[in-house]
Amino acid sequence: MIQRSRKTELFFYKLADYFSAMLAWFLFFVYRKNIEDAGVSIAEILENERLWQGLFFVPLFWLTLYFIFDKYRDIYRISRLETLKITFFISFMGSLILLFTVVTDDKVLEYISYFSLFIRLFLLNFLITSIARMIILTIASKRLKSGKIQYNTLIIGGDKNAVELYEEIIGRPYSLGHRFVGFIDVNGKSKNVLAKHLPKLGMLEDIKEVINEHYIEEVIVAVETSEHNKLKQILDVLFDFSEEILIKVIPDTYDIMLGTVKMNHIYGAVLIEIEQELMPNWQKVVKRLMDISISLLALIILIPLILYTLIRVKLSSQGPVFYRQERIGLNGKPFDIYKFRSMFLDSEPTGPRLSHDDDDRVTNWGKVMRKWRLDEIPQFFNVLKGDMAIVGPRPERRYYIEQISSEAPHYKHLLKVRPGITSWGQVKYGYASNVKQMIQRLQYDILYIENMSLSLDLKIMFYTVVVLLQGKGK
């Protein structure tokens, strides 16, 4: 019931953004018409067809920007200061876009400058939207602090640090939104200090079951300094719930995390939230647009090479021109990857087997394709379908993922992102011929997803082109 209430409140928060944008545009439209004709009446303005078109489409434009650059999430977890900053940025950028698209041929420009119009449009949208947002978020903050809104919270750790944290939170004059349901024991002691305050719900291996059984919404990792070696194991488990729960750590734990996680908010002097998002929303949108644009352009430019390759594959050996194989993609979802066939038919009669140098299963033309990576051209279709990206960790078969994960459990972090045609691991390490080499290449892919950015993608694309021109594809 409480979660349904939060979703309803978030809906009204979005609705407030919509009507704020509508009001701002209406006032801006009235201002422009009064500049053109000082005697125009409200009735005449309301009869203007362009007003109603703007009142419908302009708010949708603003909501699109908010979805891309802002974060529509639980309003009880939104910082008012951060909201003001992002609202200022979006209002500035959106006003510029509207000015040079919608208002560019407006008659009012005969009487007033672009700059004056921009300032008025920006201030109207920023002030009205900010006031509405601050009112809603202030009410939400008061409800949270009064204890009316609470989140089922699990503490991982049961000794001194956990007890001090628990007592500090409970002893605060206002609520931080935690409803503590229990704790997870990480050291296996027969007696935990925190057990005096909260029930022990299990051990490290029970985290998943406890989270599901008790509908956990927040997890606080409060392990002792001597237990920091278990932190990686804990976060590997929590990764499976990164979209559903909020993960926070105490400052001592954060010290060893520096450089591997991103800090989001500091809640007083107690907790630091681990940012699960690898890229800002706007970069994700731009990355996807780049993927689609590059793939379409590549498929058009490479038409002669594609046709030539089709013929050569057909002549190289019996069998289909294209090869499909199931791989594991974003969030563990399987998909079929497309390639030009580079091997003879029935090349894996006894089960999955990795390719290697001088592999007699590869046709003569297949060796040429692999050297220049021509066999991977059809994967541009995978990119257009949304299964893959241009840049991302190379997708593997479930058979090998299970082997890799048994030795390197952190491999599952690669499933946070879309797999790619090329990757940092592919550029720096190349193809892997066995599981050991896959694990060695893994460090480059982990480094990539922890530092994902558009600039890094462009850098990897550049080095991929260099590798191709040097004929070092395989």
Protein backbone atom coordinates (compact mmCIF):
# COMPACT_ATOMS: atom_id res chain seq x y z
CA MET A 1 0.00 0.00 0.00
CA ILE A 2 2.85 2.35 0.89
CA GLN A 3 4.71 1.60 -2.36
CA ARG A 4 1.51 2.29 -4.31
CA SER A 5 1.22 5.62 -2.48
CA ARG A 6 4.78 6.54 -3.45
CA LYS A 7 4.08 5.77 -7.11
CA THR A 8 0.98 7.94 -6.97
CA GLU A 9 2.95 10.81 -5.44
CA LEU A 10 5.62 10.45 -8.12
CA PHE A 11 2.87 10.63 -10.75
CA PHE A 12 1.63 13.91 -9.26
CA TYR A 13 5.23 15.18 -9.21
CA LYS A 14 5.45 14.55 -12.97
CA LEU A 15 2.00 16.09 -13.41
CA ALA A 16 3.19 19.20 -11.57
CA ASP A 17 6.10 19.45 -14.03
CA TYR A 18 3.65 19.18 -16.91
CA PHE A 19 1.32 21.92 -15.66
CA SER A 20 4.28 24.12 -14.64
CA ALA A 21 5.58 23.93 -18.20
CA MET A 22 2.10 24.63 -19.52
CA LEU A 23 1.68 27.70 -17.30
CA ALA A 24 5.14 29.01 -18.18
CA TRP A 25 4.44 28.67 -21.90
CA PHE A 26 1.03 30.31 -21.55
CA LEU A 27 2.51 33.35 -19.76
CA PHE A 28 5.33 33.52 -22.30
CA PHE A 29 2.82 33.38 -25.17
CA VAL A 30 0.71 36.16 -23.59
CA TYR A 31 3.83 38.29 -23.14
CA ARG A 32 4.82 37.86 -26.79
CA LYS A 33 1.33 38.75 -28.06
CA ASN A 34 1.25 41.86 -25.88
CA ILE A 35 4.57 42.96 -27.37
CA GLU A 36 3.15 42.53 -30.88
CA ASP A 37 -0.18 44.14 -30.06
CA ALA A 38 -0.48 46.04 -26.79
CA GLY A 39 -4.27 46.07 -26.98
CA VAL A 40 -4.82 42.35 -27.52
CA SER A 41 -7.32 40.75 -25.15
CA ILE A 42 -7.08 37.43 -23.35
CA ALA A 43 -10.11 36.22 -25.33
CA GLU A 44 -8.28 36.90 -28.62
CA ILE A 45 -5.18 35.14 -27.32
CA LEU A 46 -7.21 32.10 -26.30
CA GLU A 47 -8.59 31.87 -29.84
CA ASN A 48 -5.06 31.56 -31.23
CA GLU A 49 -4.50 28.05 -32.60
CA ARG A 50 -0.74 28.24 -32.03
CA LEU A 51 -1.32 28.79 -28.31
CA TRP A 52 -3.14 25.48 -27.96
CA GLN A 53 -0.60 23.65 -30.08
CA GLY A 54 2.13 24.99 -27.81
CA LEU A 55 0.22 24.12 -24.64
CA PHE A 56 0.07 20.52 -25.82
CA PHE A 57 3.50 19.93 -27.37
CA VAL A 58 5.79 22.21 -25.32
CA PRO A 59 5.06 20.53 -21.93
CA LEU A 60 5.73 17.15 -23.58
CA PHE A 61 9.06 18.54 -24.76
CA TRP A 62 9.95 19.57 -21.19
CA LEU A 63 8.91 16.19 -19.77
CA THR A 64 11.14 14.48 -22.34
CA LEU A 65 14.09 16.58 -21.17
CA TYR A 66 13.33 15.73 -17.54
CA PHE A 67 13.21 12.01 -18.34
CA ILE A 68 16.56 12.25 -20.14
CA PHE A 69 18.52 14.58 -17.87
CA ASP A 70 16.68 14.31 -14.56
CA LYS A 71 15.67 11.27 -12.53
CA TYR A 72 11.99 10.64 -12.00
CA ARG A 73 12.25 8.39 -8.97
CA ASP A 74 10.83 8.13 -5.45
CA ILE A 75 10.26 11.76 -4.35
CA TYR A 76 11.29 10.85 -0.80
CA ARG A 77 14.79 10.12 -2.11
CA ILE A 78 15.24 13.30 -4.11
CA SER A 79 17.59 16.03 -2.89
CA ARG A 80 16.08 19.50 -3.10
CA LEU A 81 19.44 21.16 -3.72
CA GLU A 82 20.30 18.73 -6.52
CA THR A 83 16.81 19.24 -7.94
CA LEU A 84 17.30 23.01 -8.08
CA LYS A 85 20.63 22.59 -9.89
CA ILE A 86 19.31 20.16 -12.49
CA THR A 87 16.15 22.24 -13.00
CA PHE A 88 18.31 25.30 -13.66
CA PHE A 89 20.42 23.38 -16.19
CA ILE A 90 17.43 21.82 -18.00
CA SER A 91 15.52 25.13 -18.06
CA PHE A 92 18.52 26.89 -19.57
CA MET A 93 19.14 24.26 -22.22
CA GLY A 94 15.45 23.70 -23.04
CA SER A 95 14.78 27.43 -23.38
CA LEU A 96 17.61 27.71 -25.91
CA ILE A 97 16.19 24.82 -27.93
CA LEU A 98 12.68 26.28 -27.92
CA LEU A 99 13.95 29.73 -28.81
CA PHE A 100 15.74 28.55 -31.95
CA THR A 101 13.06 26.08 -33.06
CA VAL A 102 9.62 27.36 -32.09
CA VAL A 103 10.17 31.14 -31.78
CA THR A 104 12.70 31.64 -34.58
CA ASP A 105 10.13 32.99 -37.09
CA ASP A 106 8.04 34.85 -34.55
CA LYS A 107 6.90 38.42 -35.40
CA VAL A 108 7.79 39.53 -31.88
CA LEU A 109 11.45 39.48 -32.91
CA GLU A 110 10.74 42.69 -34.81
CA TYR A 111 10.23 44.42 -31.44
CA ILE A 112 12.53 42.57 -28.99
CA SER A 113 15.86 40.75 -29.10
CA TYR A 114 16.52 37.02 -28.89
CA PHE A 115 18.32 37.56 -25.58
CA SER A 116 15.35 39.28 -23.93
CA LEU A 117 13.01 36.53 -25.12
CA PHE A 118 15.38 33.85 -23.87
CA ILE A 119 15.72 35.42 -20.40
CA ARG A 120 11.94 35.64 -19.99
CA LEU A 121 11.31 32.11 -21.22
CA PHE A 122 14.09 30.71 -19.03
CA LEU A 123 13.03 32.58 -15.88
CA LEU A 124 9.35 31.69 -16.31
CA ASN A 125 10.04 27.99 -16.72
CA PHE A 126 12.74 27.78 -14.06
CA LEU A 127 10.88 29.75 -11.38
CA ILE A 128 7.46 28.14 -11.86
CA THR A 129 8.85 24.60 -12.10
CA SER A 130 11.23 25.10 -9.18
CA ILE A 131 8.54 26.52 -6.91
CA ALA A 132 6.19 23.61 -7.66
CA ARG A 133 8.96 21.07 -7.16
CA MET A 134 10.19 22.62 -3.90
CA ILE A 135 6.67 22.65 -2.46
CA ILE A 136 6.16 18.96 -3.26
CA LEU A 137 9.63 17.91 -2.08
CA THR A 138 9.37 19.95 1.14
CA ILE A 139 6.08 18.25 1.98
CA ALA A 140 7.69 14.89 1.19
CA SER A 141 10.69 15.71 3.40
CA LYS A 142 8.42 16.58 6.33
CA ARG A 143 6.51 13.31 5.93
CA LEU A 144 9.77 11.36 5.82
CA LYS A 145 11.19 13.07 8.92
CA SER A 146 7.95 12.59 10.84
CA GLY A 147 8.19 8.83 10.28
CA LYS A 148 5.11 8.56 8.08
CA ILE A 149 7.22 7.16 5.24
CA GLN A 150 9.61 4.29 6.01
CA TYR A 151 11.63 1.74 4.05
CA ASN A 152 12.28 -1.83 5.11
CA THR A 153 15.99 -1.68 5.91
CA LEU A 154 18.54 -4.46 6.37
CA ILE A 155 21.90 -4.00 8.11
CA ILE A 156 24.79 -6.18 6.96
CA GLY A 157 27.16 -6.51 9.90
CA GLY A 158 26.47 -7.01 13.57
CA ASP A 159 29.38 -5.68 15.60
CA LYS A 160 30.57 -2.31 16.89
CA ASN A 161 30.22 -0.27 13.69
CA ALA A 162 26.71 -1.61 13.05
CA VAL A 163 25.57 -0.92 16.62
CA GLU A 164 26.96 2.63 16.61
CA LEU A 165 25.27 3.31 13.29
CA TYR A 166 21.95 1.86 14.46
CA GLU A 167 22.00 3.85 17.71
CA GLU A 168 22.92 7.06 15.89
CA ILE A 169 20.04 6.67 13.42
CA ILE A 170 17.51 5.68 16.07
CA GLY A 171 18.67 8.50 18.35
CA ARG A 172 18.15 11.26 15.81
CA PRO A 173 15.35 13.75 16.55
CA TYR A 174 13.83 13.05 13.12
CA SER A 175 13.39 9.94 11.03
CA LEU A 176 15.67 9.07 8.10
CA GLY A 177 13.03 6.75 6.69
CA HIS A 178 14.43 3.46 8.01
CA ARG A 179 12.30 0.62 9.33
CA PHE A 180 14.95 -1.84 10.50
CA VAL A 181 13.78 -5.44 10.07
CA GLY A 182 17.01 -7.16 11.14
CA PHE A 183 20.65 -7.77 10.30
CA ILE A 184 22.90 -10.19 8.44
CA ASP A 185 25.79 -11.72 10.34
CA VAL A 186 29.03 -11.53 8.33
CA ASN A 187 31.53 -13.01 10.80
CA GLY A 188 29.77 -16.13 12.06
CA LYS A 189 30.07 -15.23 15.72
CA SER A 190 27.76 -17.02 18.09
CA LYS A 191 26.91 -13.70 19.70
CA ASN A 192 26.53 -10.35 17.92
CA VAL A 193 26.24 -7.02 19.72
CA LEU A 194 23.49 -5.86 17.37
CA ALA A 195 21.37 -8.88 18.35
CA LYS A 196 20.34 -6.92 21.45
CA HIS A 197 18.48 -4.49 19.21
CA LEU A 198 17.52 -6.39 16.04
CA PRO A 199 16.83 -10.00 15.05
CA LYS A 200 19.51 -11.89 13.19
CA LEU A 201 18.03 -12.92 9.84
CA GLY A 202 20.86 -15.01 8.44
CA MET A 203 24.42 -15.20 7.15
CA LEU A 204 26.05 -13.84 3.97
CA GLU A 205 24.76 -16.75 1.91
CA ASP A 206 21.21 -15.87 2.99
CA ILE A 207 21.20 -12.25 1.73
CA LYS A 208 19.13 -12.92 -1.40
CA GLU A 209 16.52 -14.94 0.47
CA VAL A 210 16.27 -12.33 3.26
CA ILE A 211 15.86 -9.45 0.78
CA ASN A 212 13.05 -11.24 -1.03
CA GLU A 213 11.30 -12.58 2.07
CA HIS A 214 11.28 -9.27 3.96
CA TYR A 215 10.73 -6.96 0.94
CA ILE A 216 13.94 -5.07 1.69
CA GLU A 217 14.15 -1.62 0.09
CA GLU A 218 17.43 -0.39 1.60
CA VAL A 219 20.60 -2.17 2.64
CA ILE A 220 23.21 -0.61 4.91
CA VAL A 221 26.65 -2.25 4.80
CA ALA A 222 28.27 -1.68 8.20
CA VAL A 223 31.11 -4.17 8.38
CA GLU A 224 34.15 -3.86 10.60
CA THR A 225 37.52 -2.77 9.20
CA SER A 226 38.78 -6.32 9.61
CA GLU A 227 35.91 -7.59 7.45
CA HIS A 228 36.51 -5.37 4.43
CA ASN A 229 37.68 -8.39 2.46
CA LYS A 230 34.05 -9.52 2.48
CA LEU A 231 32.78 -6.29 0.96
CA LYS A 232 33.32 -7.41 -2.62
CA GLN A 233 31.40 -10.63 -1.93
CA ILE A 234 28.55 -8.61 -0.43
CA LEU A 235 28.34 -6.18 -3.35
CA ASP A 236 28.45 -9.04 -5.86
CA VAL A 237 25.28 -10.41 -4.25
CA LEU A 238 23.60 -7.01 -3.97
CA PHE A 239 24.25 -6.36 -7.66
CA ASP A 240 21.27 -8.57 -8.53
CA PHE A 241 19.02 -6.10 -6.67
CA SER A 242 20.70 -2.86 -7.78
CA GLU A 243 17.55 -1.72 -9.62
CA GLU A 244 15.24 -2.42 -6.70
CA ILE A 245 17.06 -1.44 -3.51
CA LEU A 246 19.18 1.44 -2.25
CA ILE A 247 22.64 0.48 -1.03
CA LYS A 248 24.44 2.61 1.56
CA VAL A 249 27.73 2.22 3.38
CA ILE A 250 29.30 3.80 6.42
CA PRO A 251 32.28 6.15 5.77
CA ASP A 252 34.93 3.61 6.85
CA THR A 253 33.65 1.21 4.22
CA TYR A 254 33.62 3.95 1.62
CA ASP A 255 37.33 4.58 2.14
CA ILE A 256 38.20 1.28 0.47
CA MET A 257 35.60 1.82 -2.23
CA LEU A 258 37.09 5.03 -3.56
CA GLY A 259 37.52 4.75 -7.30
CA THR A 260 35.23 1.73 -7.73
CA VAL A 261 31.86 3.26 -6.86
CA LYS A 262 30.37 6.67 -7.35
CA MET A 263 29.16 8.77 -4.45
CA ASN A 264 25.67 10.20 -4.76
CA HIS A 265 24.37 11.72 -1.52
CA ILE A 266 25.72 12.09 1.97
CA TYR A 267 22.96 11.63 4.51
CA GLY A 268 24.13 13.70 7.45
CA ALA A 269 27.40 12.33 8.77
CA VAL A 270 26.17 8.75 8.77
CA LEU A 271 25.67 7.18 5.37
CA ILE A 272 26.94 7.42 1.84
CA GLU A 273 24.80 6.13 -0.99
CA ILE A 274 26.46 3.93 -3.60
CA GLU A 275 25.50 5.18 -7.04
CA GLN A 276 24.47 2.17 -9.12
CA GLU A 277 24.02 4.14 -12.32
CA LEU A 278 27.01 3.70 -14.63
CA MET A 279 26.19 6.59 -16.97
CA PRO A 280 23.93 9.65 -16.66
CA ASN A 281 20.61 9.28 -18.49
CA TRP A 282 21.52 11.86 -21.13
CA GLN A 283 24.74 10.00 -21.97
CA LYS A 284 22.79 6.74 -22.28
CA VAL A 285 20.44 8.43 -24.77
CA VAL A 286 23.32 9.93 -26.76
CA LYS A 287 25.18 6.60 -26.71
CA ARG A 288 22.13 4.80 -28.08
CA LEU A 289 21.61 7.43 -30.79
CA MET A 290 25.31 7.11 -31.72
CA ASP A 291 24.96 3.33 -31.90
CA ILE A 292 21.98 3.55 -34.24
CA SER A 293 23.53 6.26 -36.43
CA ILE A 294 26.91 4.52 -36.76
CA SER A 295 25.30 1.15 -37.47
CA LEU A 296 23.04 2.53 -40.21
CA LEU A 297 25.92 4.46 -41.76
CA ALA A 298 28.24 1.44 -41.60
CA LEU A 299 25.68 -0.90 -43.21
CA ILE A 300 25.12 1.59 -46.05
CA ILE A 301 28.80 2.37 -46.69
CA LEU A 302 29.83 -1.29 -46.45
CA ILE A 303 27.20 -2.60 -48.92
CA PRO A 304 29.84 -3.48 -51.60
CA LEU A 305 32.02 -5.23 -48.97
CA ILE A 306 28.99 -7.04 -47.54
CA LEU A 307 27.99 -8.35 -50.97
CA TYR A 308 31.56 -9.47 -51.70
CA THR A 309 31.77 -11.21 -48.32
CA LEU A 310 28.44 -12.93 -48.90
CA ILE A 311 29.75 -14.44 -52.14
CA ARG A 312 33.10 -15.48 -50.64
CA VAL A 313 31.44 -17.16 -47.63
CA LYS A 314 29.09 -19.06 -49.94
CA LEU A 315 32.02 -20.26 -52.06
CA SER A 316 34.25 -21.09 -49.08
CA SER A 317 32.32 -24.17 -47.90
CA GLN A 318 28.88 -25.72 -47.71
CA GLY A 319 26.42 -24.15 -45.35
CA PRO A 320 24.53 -20.93 -44.71
CA VAL A 321 26.16 -17.53 -45.18
CA PHE A 322 25.12 -16.24 -41.77
CA TYR A 323 25.78 -17.85 -38.42
CA ARG A 324 23.58 -17.38 -35.35
CA GLN A 325 24.52 -18.27 -31.81
CA GLU A 326 22.87 -17.58 -28.46
CA ARG A 327 24.75 -15.14 -26.26
CA ILE A 328 23.92 -13.52 -22.92
CA GLY A 329 23.24 -9.80 -22.99
CA LEU A 330 22.00 -6.96 -20.80
CA ASN A 331 20.69 -8.12 -17.40
CA GLY A 332 21.36 -11.75 -18.33
CA LYS A 333 18.85 -11.77 -21.20
CA PRO A 334 19.78 -14.21 -24.01
CA PHE A 335 19.82 -13.10 -27.64
CA ASP A 336 21.02 -14.42 -31.00
CA ILE A 337 24.24 -12.84 -32.24
CA TYR A 338 24.75 -12.61 -36.01
CA LYS A 339 28.01 -13.26 -37.85
CA PHE A 340 29.25 -14.25 -41.28
CA ARG A 341 30.03 -17.95 -40.98
CA SER A 342 33.78 -18.45 -40.68
CA MET A 343 33.86 -22.16 -39.77
CA PHE A 344 32.87 -25.41 -41.43
CA LEU A 345 29.48 -26.84 -40.50
CA ASP A 346 29.17 -28.92 -37.31
CA SER A 347 32.35 -27.49 -35.81
CA GLU A 348 31.31 -28.27 -32.23
CA PRO A 349 30.13 -31.90 -32.29
CA THR A 350 31.14 -32.50 -28.65
CA GLY A 351 29.95 -29.19 -27.20
CA PRO A 352 31.13 -25.55 -26.90
CA ARG A 353 34.73 -25.01 -27.89
CA LEU A 354 36.65 -21.75 -28.19
CA SER A 355 38.55 -20.85 -31.31
CA HIS A 356 42.32 -20.42 -31.30
CA ASP A 357 45.19 -19.68 -33.66
CA ASP A 358 45.58 -22.30 -36.40
CA ASP A 359 42.12 -23.67 -35.65
CA ASP A 360 41.42 -26.24 -38.40
CA ARG A 361 37.67 -25.61 -38.05
CA VAL A 362 38.08 -22.17 -39.61
CA THR A 363 37.83 -21.94 -43.41
CA ASN A 364 40.52 -20.18 -45.42
CA TRP A 365 38.20 -17.25 -46.10
CA GLY A 366 37.14 -17.39 -42.46
CA LYS A 367 40.73 -16.68 -41.41
CA VAL A 368 40.78 -13.60 -43.64
CA MET A 369 37.48 -12.39 -42.20
CA ARG A 370 38.64 -12.88 -38.63
CA LYS A 371 41.91 -11.04 -39.27
CA TRP A 372 39.99 -7.97 -40.45
CA ARG A 373 36.88 -8.68 -38.31
CA LEU A 374 34.66 -8.84 -41.39
CA ASP A 375 32.71 -11.70 -39.81
CA GLU A 376 31.32 -9.26 -37.23
CA ILE A 377 29.74 -6.82 -39.70
CA PRO A 378 26.24 -8.43 -39.30
CA GLN A 379 26.37 -7.46 -35.62
CA PHE A 380 25.38 -3.95 -36.67
CA PHE A 381 21.91 -5.50 -37.04
CA ASN A 382 22.16 -6.64 -33.40
CA VAL A 383 22.90 -3.03 -32.48
CA LEU A 384 19.86 -1.76 -34.38
CA LYS A 385 17.69 -4.36 -32.62
CA GLY A 386 18.95 -3.16 -29.24
CA ASP A 387 20.67 -6.41 -28.27
CA MET A 388 24.14 -4.87 -28.51
CA ALA A 389 26.00 -1.57 -28.54
CA ILE A 390 28.96 -0.47 -30.64
CA VAL A 391 31.14 -0.40 -27.49
CA GLY A 392 30.65 -2.78 -24.60
CA PRO A 393 32.02 -6.04 -23.16
CA ARG A 394 31.95 -8.86 -25.68
CA PRO A 395 28.95 -11.17 -25.09
CA GLU A 396 29.68 -14.75 -24.10
CA ARG A 397 27.74 -18.01 -24.11
CA ARG A 398 26.09 -19.11 -20.88
CA TYR A 399 28.35 -22.19 -20.85
CA TYR A 400 31.47 -20.04 -20.51
CA ILE A 401 29.85 -17.46 -18.25
CA GLU A 402 29.19 -20.18 -15.69
CA GLN A 403 32.84 -21.27 -15.83
CA ILE A 404 34.15 -17.71 -15.58
CA SER A 405 31.76 -16.81 -12.74
CA SER A 406 32.86 -19.80 -10.67
CA GLU A 407 36.39 -18.34 -10.58
CA ALA A 408 35.54 -14.63 -10.92
CA PRO A 409 32.05 -13.93 -9.47
CA HIS A 410 32.39 -10.24 -10.36
CA TYR A 411 31.90 -11.20 -14.02
CA LYS A 412 28.18 -10.60 -13.46
CA HIS A 413 28.94 -6.85 -13.35
CA LEU A 414 29.49 -7.05 -17.12
CA LEU A 415 25.79 -7.84 -17.47
CA LYS A 416 24.97 -4.33 -16.25
CA VAL A 417 25.53 -2.98 -19.76
CA ARG A 418 24.72 -3.93 -23.32
CA PRO A 419 27.46 -6.10 -24.84
CA GLY A 420 29.35 -4.52 -27.70
CA ILE A 421 30.87 -5.20 -31.11
CA THR A 422 34.14 -3.89 -29.73
CA SER A 423 35.37 -3.40 -26.19
CA TRP A 424 38.28 -2.15 -24.13
CA GLY A 425 39.17 -5.77 -23.40
CA GLN A 426 39.02 -6.62 -27.10
CA VAL A 427 41.30 -3.70 -27.99
CA LYS A 428 43.82 -4.18 -25.19
CA TYR A 429 43.77 -7.98 -24.91
CA GLY A 430 42.16 -9.39 -28.03
CA TYR A 431 40.33 -12.69 -28.46
CA ALA A 432 40.48 -15.25 -25.65
CA SER A 433 41.17 -18.89 -26.49
CA ASN A 434 40.39 -20.34 -23.06
CA VAL A 435 38.65 -19.50 -19.79
CA LYS A 436 41.88 -18.34 -18.16
CA GLN A 437 42.39 -15.75 -20.89
CA MET A 438 38.73 -14.71 -20.56
CA ILE A 439 39.32 -13.98 -16.89
CA GLN A 440 42.47 -12.00 -17.71
CA ARG A 441 40.53 -9.95 -20.27
CA LEU A 442 37.80 -9.41 -17.69
CA GLN A 443 39.85 -6.80 -15.82
CA TYR A 444 39.77 -4.50 -18.87
CA ASP A 445 36.01 -4.88 -19.23
CA ILE A 446 35.46 -4.19 -15.51
CA LEU A 447 37.65 -1.11 -15.86
CA TYR A 448 35.46 0.02 -18.77
CA ILE A 449 32.08 -0.31 -17.03
CA GLU A 450 33.38 1.48 -13.92
CA ASN A 451 34.52 4.41 -16.07
CA MET A 452 31.86 4.42 -18.78
CA SER A 453 31.52 7.67 -20.67
CA LEU A 454 30.98 8.89 -24.22
CA SER A 455 34.60 10.05 -24.40
CA LEU A 456 35.84 6.57 -23.45
CA ASP A 457 33.57 5.02 -26.10
CA LEU A 458 35.03 7.32 -28.74
CA LYS A 459 38.54 6.42 -27.61
CA ILE A 460 37.78 2.69 -27.89
CA MET A 461 36.25 3.20 -31.35
CA PHE A 462 39.40 5.02 -32.46
CA TYR A 463 41.71 2.26 -31.22
CA THR A 464 39.45 -0.36 -32.80
CA VAL A 465 39.89 1.32 -36.19
CA VAL A 466 43.66 1.34 -35.64
CA VAL A 467 43.61 -2.38 -34.82
CA LEU A 468 41.54 -3.11 -37.95
CA LEU A 469 43.82 -1.10 -40.22
CA GLN A 470 46.77 -3.04 -38.83
CA GLY A 471 45.02 -6.34 -39.53
CA LYS A 472 45.22 -7.43 -35.90
CA GLY A 473 41.62 -8.55 -35.58
CA LYS A 474 42.68 -12.06 -34.59
